[in-house]
């Protein structure tokens, strides 16, 4: 049974591959220094007895595309804007993982907005489940996810400049 852990917080998640509302953004790779800073922050926050989370290029592409979409269309949500797939259900990053062919059991999705350093974004999620410029709540925050050996992969996307920066984080428990 797949479980969603959703956090509308400091980071932005629903990736956009040109599905849902027809928006087709050119996929871009996450900026390498953002990815390496995220890895360092996650390693510092992860329980000492657990292996490091690993950056996955498919997950990174999904969150970067979602951050780009949120920035370009000026919204903040784990859901892809205007992506009603029927019955009031909107696409989220789990749908994008499925489209990318990456099977998963659980995911943690987080979104944020603001002029923040990577370490501030990660610490905000880990300590409060959210941070300045974020919204929403979740059942399991980043700190609890980082204490679980189930989560193995991550991606972090960042788009924009200054106060208009949109962030997307995705942690994945792969099958």
Protein backbone atom coordinates (compact mmCIF):
# COMPACT_ATOMS: atom_id res chain seq x y z
CA UNK A 1 0.00 0.00 0.00
CA UNK A 2 1.47 3.32 -1.02
CA UNK A 3 1.54 6.08 1.53
CA UNK A 4 1.78 9.77 0.84
CA UNK A 5 3.35 12.08 3.35
CA UNK A 6 2.53 15.55 2.20
CA UNK A 7 4.07 18.71 3.50
CA UNK A 8 3.14 22.04 2.04
CA UNK A 9 6.05 23.76 3.65
CA UNK A 10 9.33 25.36 2.79
CA UNK A 11 9.81 23.43 -0.42
CA UNK A 12 8.03 22.96 -3.68
CA UNK A 13 7.27 19.64 -5.18
CA UNK A 14 4.75 18.76 -7.87
CA UNK A 15 6.91 18.31 -10.90
CA UNK A 16 5.68 19.15 -14.33
CA UNK A 17 6.49 17.04 -17.37
CA UNK A 18 4.01 18.73 -19.66
CA UNK A 19 1.11 16.63 -18.41
CA UNK A 20 -1.95 17.71 -16.53
CA UNK A 21 -2.57 21.26 -17.68
CA UNK A 22 -0.55 21.12 -20.89
CA UNK A 23 2.30 23.32 -19.66
CA UNK A 24 5.52 22.00 -21.11
CA UNK A 25 8.57 23.46 -19.42
CA UNK A 26 12.01 22.57 -20.69
CA UNK A 27 13.43 20.11 -18.16
CA UNK A 28 16.50 21.40 -16.37
CA UNK A 29 18.90 19.69 -14.03
CA UNK A 30 19.08 20.86 -10.42
CA UNK A 31 22.00 23.18 -9.77
CA UNK A 32 24.91 21.06 -8.57
CA UNK A 33 25.83 23.25 -5.59
CA UNK A 34 22.21 23.20 -4.37
CA UNK A 35 22.20 19.41 -4.61
CA UNK A 36 25.52 19.06 -2.77
CA UNK A 37 24.41 21.51 -0.06
CA UNK A 38 21.15 19.58 0.33
CA UNK A 39 23.10 16.33 0.63
CA UNK A 40 25.30 17.83 3.36
CA UNK A 41 22.27 19.20 5.23
CA UNK A 42 20.39 15.91 5.00
CA UNK A 43 23.46 13.98 6.15
CA UNK A 44 23.75 16.28 9.16
CA UNK A 45 20.07 15.81 10.03
CA UNK A 46 19.86 12.05 9.34
CA UNK A 47 20.05 9.60 12.20
CA UNK A 48 23.70 8.62 12.77
CA UNK A 49 23.14 4.89 12.31
CA UNK A 50 21.49 5.26 8.89
CA UNK A 51 23.04 5.42 5.44
CA UNK A 52 23.03 8.75 3.63
CA UNK A 53 20.13 9.59 1.37
CA UNK A 54 21.26 9.46 -2.25
CA UNK A 55 20.53 12.07 -4.87
CA UNK A 56 18.64 10.45 -7.75
CA UNK A 57 18.70 12.24 -11.10
CA UNK A 58 15.10 11.25 -11.88
CA UNK A 59 13.88 12.61 -8.55
CA UNK A 60 16.05 15.70 -9.03
CA UNK A 61 14.57 16.35 -12.46
CA UNK A 62 11.03 15.98 -11.10
CA UNK A 63 11.52 18.48 -8.27
CA UNK A 64 13.46 20.93 -10.44
CA UNK A 65 10.69 20.91 -13.03
CA UNK A 66 8.13 21.45 -10.28
CA UNK A 67 10.09 24.36 -8.80
CA UNK A 68 10.33 25.87 -12.30
CA UNK A 69 6.58 25.45 -12.82
CA UNK A 70 5.72 27.04 -9.46
CA UNK A 71 8.02 29.97 -10.21
CA UNK A 72 6.84 30.47 -13.81
CA UNK A 73 3.16 30.29 -12.89
CA UNK A 74 3.47 32.00 -9.48
CA UNK A 75 2.04 29.41 -7.08
CA UNK A 76 3.18 27.34 -4.11
CA UNK A 77 1.79 23.83 -3.78
CA UNK A 78 2.82 20.20 -3.88
CA UNK A 79 0.13 19.83 -6.51
CA UNK A 80 0.63 20.84 -10.12
CA UNK A 81 -1.50 23.94 -10.73
CA UNK A 82 -4.58 23.27 -12.83
CA UNK A 83 -3.91 19.54 -13.06
CA UNK A 84 -7.27 18.07 -12.09
CA UNK A 85 -7.12 14.47 -13.30
CA UNK A 86 -10.73 13.80 -12.40
CA UNK A 87 -12.79 13.70 -9.27
CA UNK A 88 -11.02 16.74 -7.85
CA UNK A 89 -7.70 14.87 -7.67
CA UNK A 90 -4.60 16.83 -8.68
CA UNK A 91 -1.23 15.52 -9.85
CA UNK A 92 1.56 15.52 -7.33
CA UNK A 93 5.14 14.31 -7.31
CA UNK A 94 4.08 10.71 -6.79
CA UNK A 95 2.38 10.83 -10.18
CA UNK A 96 5.57 12.20 -11.71
CA UNK A 97 7.61 9.40 -10.10
CA UNK A 98 5.23 6.89 -11.65
CA UNK A 99 5.59 8.57 -15.06
CA UNK A 100 9.39 8.41 -14.70
CA UNK A 101 9.22 4.66 -14.05
CA UNK A 102 10.46 4.89 -10.45
CA UNK A 103 8.31 2.60 -8.25
CA UNK A 104 7.89 3.79 -4.67
CA UNK A 105 6.18 2.86 -1.40
CA UNK A 106 6.23 6.21 0.44
CA UNK A 107 7.21 9.78 -0.37
CA UNK A 108 7.64 13.02 1.54
CA UNK A 109 6.80 16.11 -0.51
CA UNK A 110 7.65 19.63 0.65
CA UNK A 111 7.37 23.06 -0.91
CA UNK A 112 8.59 26.48 0.16
CA UNK A 113 9.07 30.01 -1.02
CA UNK A 114 11.59 32.66 -0.07
CA UNK A 115 15.12 33.92 -0.14
CA UNK A 116 16.66 31.18 1.98
CA UNK A 117 19.89 29.24 2.05
CA UNK A 118 19.65 25.50 1.44
CA UNK A 119 20.57 24.84 5.07
CA UNK A 120 17.76 27.15 6.26
CA UNK A 121 15.25 25.34 4.06
CA UNK A 122 16.31 21.92 5.30
CA UNK A 123 16.53 22.94 8.96
CA UNK A 124 13.12 24.60 8.77
CA UNK A 125 11.54 21.42 7.47
CA UNK A 126 13.37 19.21 9.94
CA UNK A 127 12.61 21.24 13.05
CA UNK A 128 9.07 22.43 12.39
CA UNK A 129 7.83 20.62 9.31
CA UNK A 130 7.58 24.04 7.71
CA UNK A 131 9.31 27.39 7.68
CA UNK A 132 8.88 31.01 6.71
CA UNK A 133 7.08 31.40 3.42
CA UNK A 134 5.57 27.94 3.69
CA UNK A 135 2.11 26.59 4.23
CA UNK A 136 0.27 23.47 5.28
CA UNK A 137 0.95 20.61 7.63
CA UNK A 138 1.82 16.95 7.47
CA UNK A 139 1.54 13.69 9.36
CA UNK A 140 5.27 12.94 9.26
CA UNK A 141 7.78 15.76 9.17
CA UNK A 142 11.24 15.68 7.66
CA UNK A 143 12.87 14.81 10.98
CA UNK A 144 10.76 11.67 11.32
CA UNK A 145 11.40 10.70 7.70
CA UNK A 146 15.14 11.15 8.19
CA UNK A 147 14.98 8.82 11.21
CA UNK A 148 13.52 6.08 9.01
CA UNK A 149 15.72 3.69 7.06
CA UNK A 150 12.96 3.39 4.44
CA UNK A 151 13.74 6.66 2.69
CA UNK A 152 16.75 6.27 0.39
CA UNK A 153 16.49 8.86 -2.42
CA UNK A 154 16.06 12.62 -2.57
CA UNK A 155 15.87 15.54 -4.93
CA UNK A 156 15.79 19.29 -4.28
CA UNK A 157 14.74 21.89 -6.82
CA UNK A 158 15.17 25.67 -6.68
CA UNK A 159 13.85 28.25 -9.15
CA UNK A 160 13.77 32.04 -9.11
CA UNK A 161 15.68 34.74 -7.29
CA UNK A 162 15.25 36.72 -4.11
CA UNK A 163 11.89 36.51 -2.36
CA UNK A 164 10.43 34.80 -5.45
CA UNK A 165 12.50 31.62 -5.02
CA UNK A 166 10.45 28.41 -5.07
CA UNK A 167 11.81 25.27 -3.45
CA UNK A 168 10.76 21.63 -3.93
CA UNK A 169 11.98 18.65 -1.92
CA UNK A 170 11.11 15.01 -2.44
CA UNK A 171 12.22 12.05 -0.34
CA UNK A 172 11.49 8.60 -1.75
CA UNK A 173 11.14 5.17 -0.22
CA UNK A 174 11.66 3.10 -3.39
CA UNK A 175 10.14 -0.33 -3.90
